[in-house]
Amino acid sequence: MKRRPLPAADRRLLPEGWLSGPMPWVIAIMMFLTVLAAAGGLGLRAAAAGLGDDLAGRITVQIVQADAVSRATQAQRALAAVGRLPGLRSAEPVSRAAMGALLEPWLGPEGLGEDLPLPALIDVTFADDAIDHAPAVAAALRGVAPDARVDDHARSLAPLTGLIDALKWLALALVLLMAAATASAVVLAARSALNTHRATIDVMHLLGSTDVQIARLFQRRIALDALFGGLIGLVCGLVVLMLIGHRMGQLGSELLGTAALPAGSWLLLALLPLAGTLLAMLTARLTVLSALRRIL
């Protein structure tokens, strides 16, 4: 028997009013959580990359000595010794004014007096950031600056970097879990719709409609619900992210500033409703076709 295309009346088998059932709201909630989790992961990735770029190959040498003359002498010797190391990009002493600017949030504008002893600092940067230069710097300073301390920024912040990496993978796991939950909700909705319209589907089969044509009917309805719910979840998620970003900007923290989302990340977030719609369409199609084969 020749198969005929579905007429417009048959394509309205499922109710198509906006927010006609719980499905769009469920997907909106899932998309809202997905946007927050994805934004967290992308922000943590940006923060890790920012920390890596800022601290790569950088070492600080401290001369901790109460006597100002001895401190200045050791600082000059340390600067000369570090300057002879291979692969050095720069070695610059940190001025007292720069240290005062760093300490001003804790000591206040009048807290850094002339009689306050401060260590001499030397900011050292190497061209090759893949090598651990701290042992070489410590060996070069051992004989010329006995009061010198070598601080490797990358090594000291390694626990923080590890925590950021773990949270980044946790965010990815949450996104995958939200996708799985969305697919499960679509499966339940498709099966419920099949059971509700079982008699109508039997009549459509008798009239010559194929399983693929019937599956397209459910696929279209669920795709519209998924797109509408996904857009609602995206808008709510973006509003929350903007509020959080505003609060973070008021803190003025450089570490929190590195977690700001770049333009490409915002584009990925904007594409999440489309990805959710495609997932819902594919899940609905496979669910309906599998159920129709069992019926026949």
Protein backbone atom coordinates (compact mmCIF):
# COMPACT_ATOMS: atom_id res chain seq x y z
CA MET A 1 0.00 0.00 0.00
CA LYS A 2 1.34 3.40 -0.95
CA ARG A 3 2.37 5.55 1.99
CA ARG A 4 0.90 9.03 2.06
CA PRO A 5 2.43 12.11 3.74
CA LEU A 6 0.94 13.35 6.99
CA PRO A 7 -1.62 16.13 6.44
CA ALA A 8 -1.55 19.31 8.50
CA ALA A 9 -4.35 18.03 10.75
CA ASP A 10 -2.32 14.96 11.69
CA ARG A 11 0.71 17.09 12.52
CA ARG A 12 -1.39 18.75 15.24
CA LEU A 13 -1.89 15.46 17.06
CA LEU A 14 0.02 16.78 20.08
CA PRO A 15 -1.00 20.06 21.77
CA GLU A 16 1.29 22.86 20.63
CA GLY A 17 0.46 25.68 23.03
CA TRP A 18 3.45 27.28 24.64
CA LEU A 19 4.14 25.86 28.09
CA SER A 20 1.22 23.47 27.64
CA GLY A 21 2.82 20.89 29.92
CA PRO A 22 5.67 20.35 32.38
CA MET A 23 8.21 19.46 29.71
CA PRO A 24 9.40 23.03 28.88
CA TRP A 25 9.76 23.85 32.57
CA VAL A 26 11.78 20.70 33.27
CA ILE A 27 14.12 21.49 30.38
CA ALA A 28 14.36 25.13 31.50
CA ILE A 29 15.52 24.03 34.95
CA MET A 30 18.02 21.60 33.44
CA MET A 31 19.33 24.25 31.06
CA PHE A 32 19.63 26.80 33.88
CA LEU A 33 21.79 24.39 35.90
CA THR A 34 23.76 23.41 32.79
CA VAL A 35 24.55 27.05 32.00
CA LEU A 36 25.79 27.67 35.54
CA ALA A 37 27.91 24.50 35.56
CA ALA A 38 29.35 25.19 32.11
CA ALA A 39 30.11 28.80 33.01
CA GLY A 40 31.86 27.63 36.17
CA GLY A 41 34.00 25.19 34.22
CA LEU A 42 34.87 27.73 31.54
CA GLY A 43 35.67 30.36 34.16
CA LEU A 44 37.92 27.96 36.05
CA ARG A 45 39.71 27.06 32.82
CA ALA A 46 40.30 30.75 32.13
CA ALA A 47 41.55 31.24 35.69
CA ALA A 48 43.98 28.32 35.40
CA ALA A 49 45.28 29.63 32.08
CA GLY A 50 45.68 33.13 33.54
CA LEU A 51 47.61 31.83 36.54
CA GLY A 52 49.83 29.76 34.29
CA ASP A 53 50.64 32.72 32.06
CA ASP A 54 51.33 35.04 34.99
CA LEU A 55 53.50 32.66 37.01
CA ALA A 56 55.26 30.71 34.27
CA GLY A 57 59.02 30.92 34.79
CA ARG A 58 58.75 33.53 37.57
CA ILE A 59 60.70 33.37 40.84
CA THR A 60 61.01 35.91 43.67
CA VAL A 61 64.19 36.25 45.69
CA GLN A 62 63.80 37.70 49.20
CA ILE A 63 66.68 39.08 51.28
CA VAL A 64 65.39 38.95 54.84
CA GLN A 65 67.90 40.91 56.95
CA ALA A 66 67.16 43.51 59.63
CA ASP A 67 70.38 45.44 58.98
CA ALA A 68 69.72 47.79 56.04
CA VAL A 69 73.37 47.90 54.90
CA SER A 70 73.80 44.14 54.90
CA ARG A 71 70.42 43.75 53.20
CA ALA A 72 71.36 46.15 50.40
CA THR A 73 74.76 44.51 49.91
CA GLN A 74 73.32 41.03 49.67
CA ALA A 75 70.62 42.28 47.30
CA GLN A 76 73.26 43.70 44.93
CA ARG A 77 75.28 40.49 45.04
CA ALA A 78 72.17 38.37 44.50
CA LEU A 79 71.11 40.48 41.52
CA ALA A 80 74.55 40.07 39.96
CA ALA A 81 74.61 36.30 40.60
CA VAL A 82 71.14 35.75 39.18
CA GLY A 83 72.01 37.85 36.14
CA ARG A 84 74.67 35.30 35.14
CA LEU A 85 72.27 32.35 35.06
CA PRO A 86 71.51 30.85 31.62
CA GLY A 87 68.03 31.33 30.15
CA LEU A 88 67.35 34.46 32.19
CA ARG A 89 64.80 36.84 30.69
CA SER A 90 64.85 39.55 33.36
CA ALA A 91 65.93 40.20 36.93
CA GLU A 92 64.66 43.43 38.48
CA PRO A 93 64.64 44.64 42.09
CA VAL A 94 61.25 45.57 43.50
CA SER A 95 61.19 49.16 44.68
CA ARG A 96 60.03 50.18 48.14
CA ALA A 97 57.20 52.17 46.54
CA ALA A 98 55.94 49.06 44.75
CA MET A 99 56.04 47.04 47.96
CA GLY A 100 54.22 49.85 49.73
CA ALA A 101 51.46 49.71 47.11
CA LEU A 102 51.12 45.97 47.72
CA LEU A 103 50.96 46.40 51.51
CA GLU A 104 48.70 49.46 51.54
CA PRO A 105 45.41 47.47 51.67
CA TRP A 106 46.59 45.91 54.98
CA LEU A 107 48.70 48.70 56.52
CA GLY A 108 46.85 51.73 55.18
CA PRO A 109 48.38 54.74 53.40
CA GLU A 110 50.30 55.82 56.51
CA GLY A 111 51.29 52.36 57.72
CA LEU A 112 54.50 52.03 55.69
CA GLY A 113 56.92 54.28 57.49
CA GLU A 114 60.58 54.76 56.76
CA ASP A 115 61.55 52.86 59.89
CA LEU A 116 59.55 49.76 58.93
CA PRO A 117 62.05 47.06 57.81
CA LEU A 118 61.10 45.40 54.55
CA PRO A 119 62.88 42.54 52.81
CA ALA A 120 64.70 43.25 49.56
CA LEU A 121 62.84 41.62 46.68
CA ILE A 122 64.14 40.64 43.26
CA ASP A 123 61.64 39.62 40.59
CA VAL A 124 63.26 36.97 38.34
CA THR A 125 61.78 35.68 35.08
CA PHE A 126 63.18 32.88 32.90
CA ALA A 127 62.45 32.36 29.22
CA ASP A 128 61.90 28.60 29.51
CA ASP A 129 58.96 28.06 31.86
CA ALA A 130 59.01 24.27 31.50
CA ILE A 131 62.15 23.93 33.67
CA ASP A 132 62.30 24.24 37.46
CA HIS A 133 64.84 27.05 37.92
CA ALA A 134 64.49 27.34 41.69
CA PRO A 135 67.39 24.94 42.54
CA ALA A 136 69.77 26.77 40.18
CA VAL A 137 68.81 30.15 41.67
CA ALA A 138 69.25 28.83 45.23
CA ALA A 139 72.68 27.39 44.36
CA ALA A 140 73.80 30.67 42.78
CA LEU A 141 72.77 32.65 45.89
CA ARG A 142 74.13 30.28 48.50
CA GLY A 143 77.58 31.85 48.70
CA VAL A 144 76.79 35.50 47.98
CA ALA A 145 73.50 36.05 49.87
CA PRO A 146 73.15 33.76 52.90
CA ASP A 147 69.89 35.44 53.98
CA ALA A 148 68.22 34.95 50.59
CA ARG A 149 65.01 32.96 50.20
CA VAL A 150 63.79 31.65 46.86
CA ASP A 151 60.04 31.55 46.25
CA ASP A 152 58.83 29.59 43.23
CA HIS A 153 55.33 30.95 42.56
CA ALA A 154 54.22 28.03 40.42
CA ARG A 155 55.27 25.52 43.09
CA SER A 156 53.67 27.43 45.96
CA LEU A 157 50.37 27.71 44.08
CA ALA A 158 50.40 24.10 42.87
CA PRO A 159 47.69 23.05 45.40
CA LEU A 160 45.46 25.88 44.17
CA THR A 161 46.06 24.87 40.56
CA GLY A 162 45.20 21.27 41.41
CA LEU A 163 41.98 22.39 43.10
CA ILE A 164 41.02 24.47 40.06
CA ASP A 165 41.62 21.49 37.76
CA ALA A 166 39.51 19.22 39.97
CA LEU A 167 36.64 21.74 40.05
CA LYS A 168 36.89 22.14 36.28
CA TRP A 169 36.39 18.40 35.74
CA LEU A 170 33.59 18.41 38.29
CA ALA A 171 31.83 21.12 36.26
CA LEU A 172 32.18 18.99 33.12
CA ALA A 173 30.71 16.01 34.97
CA LEU A 174 27.76 18.12 36.08
CA VAL A 175 27.12 19.24 32.49
CA LEU A 176 27.10 15.61 31.34
CA LEU A 177 24.78 14.64 34.19
CA MET A 178 22.37 17.45 33.23
CA ALA A 179 22.43 16.22 29.63
CA ALA A 180 21.64 12.69 30.79
CA ALA A 181 18.82 13.97 33.01
CA THR A 182 17.39 15.98 30.11
CA ALA A 183 17.48 12.92 27.84
CA SER A 184 15.74 10.86 30.53
CA ALA A 185 13.00 13.49 30.86
CA VAL A 186 12.50 13.44 27.09
CA VAL A 187 12.22 9.64 27.13
CA LEU A 188 9.53 9.79 29.81
CA ALA A 189 7.64 12.54 27.97
CA ALA A 190 7.76 10.68 24.66
CA ARG A 191 6.56 7.41 26.20
CA SER A 192 3.74 9.20 28.03
CA ALA A 193 2.62 10.87 24.80
CA LEU A 194 2.69 7.53 22.98
CA ASN A 195 0.51 5.92 25.61
CA THR A 196 -1.89 8.87 25.57
CA HIS A 197 -2.34 8.81 21.78
CA ARG A 198 -2.08 5.03 21.29
CA ALA A 199 -5.51 4.74 19.64
CA THR A 200 -4.83 7.62 17.27
CA ILE A 201 -1.48 6.12 16.29
CA ASP A 202 -3.15 2.81 15.47
CA VAL A 203 -5.59 4.62 13.19
CA MET A 204 -2.72 6.47 11.51
CA HIS A 205 -0.97 3.16 10.89
CA LEU A 206 -4.12 1.79 9.25
CA LEU A 207 -4.29 4.90 7.05
CA GLY A 208 -0.74 4.27 5.82
CA SER A 209 1.43 6.47 8.01
CA THR A 210 4.94 5.14 8.58
CA ASP A 211 6.79 4.91 11.88
CA VAL A 212 9.20 7.60 10.70
CA GLN A 213 6.35 9.99 9.95
CA ILE A 214 4.81 9.42 13.37
CA ALA A 215 8.21 9.81 15.03
CA ARG A 216 8.67 13.16 13.28
CA LEU A 217 5.38 14.29 14.79
CA PHE A 218 6.60 13.69 18.37
CA GLN A 219 10.08 14.88 17.49
CA ARG A 220 8.77 18.25 16.30
CA ARG A 221 6.62 18.79 19.39
CA ILE A 222 9.40 17.89 21.82
CA ALA A 223 11.93 19.98 19.87
CA LEU A 224 9.73 23.08 20.26
CA ASP A 225 9.34 22.43 23.98
CA ALA A 226 13.09 21.86 24.36
CA LEU A 227 14.00 25.02 22.46
CA PHE A 228 11.53 27.18 24.37
CA GLY A 229 12.56 25.75 27.75
CA GLY A 230 16.23 25.97 26.82
CA LEU A 231 15.93 29.67 25.98
CA ILE A 232 14.20 30.34 29.30
CA GLY A 233 16.95 28.51 31.19
CA LEU A 234 19.65 30.32 29.21
CA VAL A 235 18.23 33.76 29.93
CA CYS A 236 17.87 33.03 33.66
CA GLY A 237 21.39 31.60 33.78
CA LEU A 238 22.90 34.61 32.01
CA VAL A 239 21.14 36.97 34.41
CA VAL A 240 22.59 35.10 37.39
CA LEU A 241 26.08 35.06 35.82
CA MET A 242 25.96 38.80 35.19
CA LEU A 243 24.95 39.45 38.79
CA ILE A 244 27.80 37.24 40.04
CA GLY A 245 30.25 38.97 37.70
CA HIS A 246 29.14 42.35 38.99
CA ARG A 247 29.72 41.25 42.58
CA MET A 248 33.14 39.81 41.70
CA GLY A 249 34.11 43.05 39.96
CA GLN A 250 33.31 45.01 43.13
CA LEU A 251 35.76 42.86 45.13
CA GLY A 252 38.67 44.03 42.99
CA SER A 253 40.53 40.72 43.36
CA GLU A 254 43.05 39.93 40.63
CA LEU A 255 42.62 36.20 41.22
CA LEU A 256 38.85 36.43 40.78
CA GLY A 257 39.38 38.67 37.79
CA THR A 258 41.21 35.89 35.96
CA ALA A 259 38.02 33.79 36.16
CA ALA A 260 36.13 36.19 33.88
CA LEU A 261 34.59 34.48 30.87
CA PRO A 262 36.16 35.35 27.49
CA ALA A 263 34.00 36.12 24.46
CA GLY A 264 34.29 32.57 23.11
CA SER A 265 32.90 31.14 26.33
CA TRP A 266 29.81 33.35 26.12
CA LEU A 267 29.25 32.06 22.59
CA LEU A 268 29.45 28.46 23.83
CA LEU A 269 26.89 29.23 26.52
CA ALA A 270 24.57 30.78 23.93
CA LEU A 271 24.76 27.57 21.87
CA LEU A 272 23.68 25.35 24.77
CA PRO A 273 19.90 25.63 24.03
CA LEU A 274 20.56 24.53 20.45
CA ALA A 275 22.60 21.56 21.68
CA GLY A 276 19.83 20.69 24.14
CA THR A 277 17.22 20.87 21.37
CA LEU A 278 19.25 18.54 19.14
CA LEU A 279 19.68 16.13 22.05
CA ALA A 280 15.93 16.18 22.76
CA MET A 281 15.09 15.64 19.08
CA LEU A 282 17.43 12.67 18.74
CA THR A 283 16.26 11.13 22.02
CA ALA A 284 12.58 11.55 21.11
CA ARG A 285 13.10 10.06 17.66
CA LEU A 286 14.93 6.98 18.94
CA THR A 287 12.44 6.49 21.78
CA VAL A 288 9.36 6.72 19.54
CA LEU A 289 10.79 4.50 16.81
CA SER A 290 11.83 1.86 19.35
CA ALA A 291 8.39 1.92 20.99
CA LEU A 292 6.54 1.71 17.65
CA ARG A 293 8.58 -1.31 16.59
CA ARG A 294 7.60 -3.08 19.80
CA ILE A 295 3.93 -2.21 19.23
CA LEU A 296 3.95 -3.72 15.78
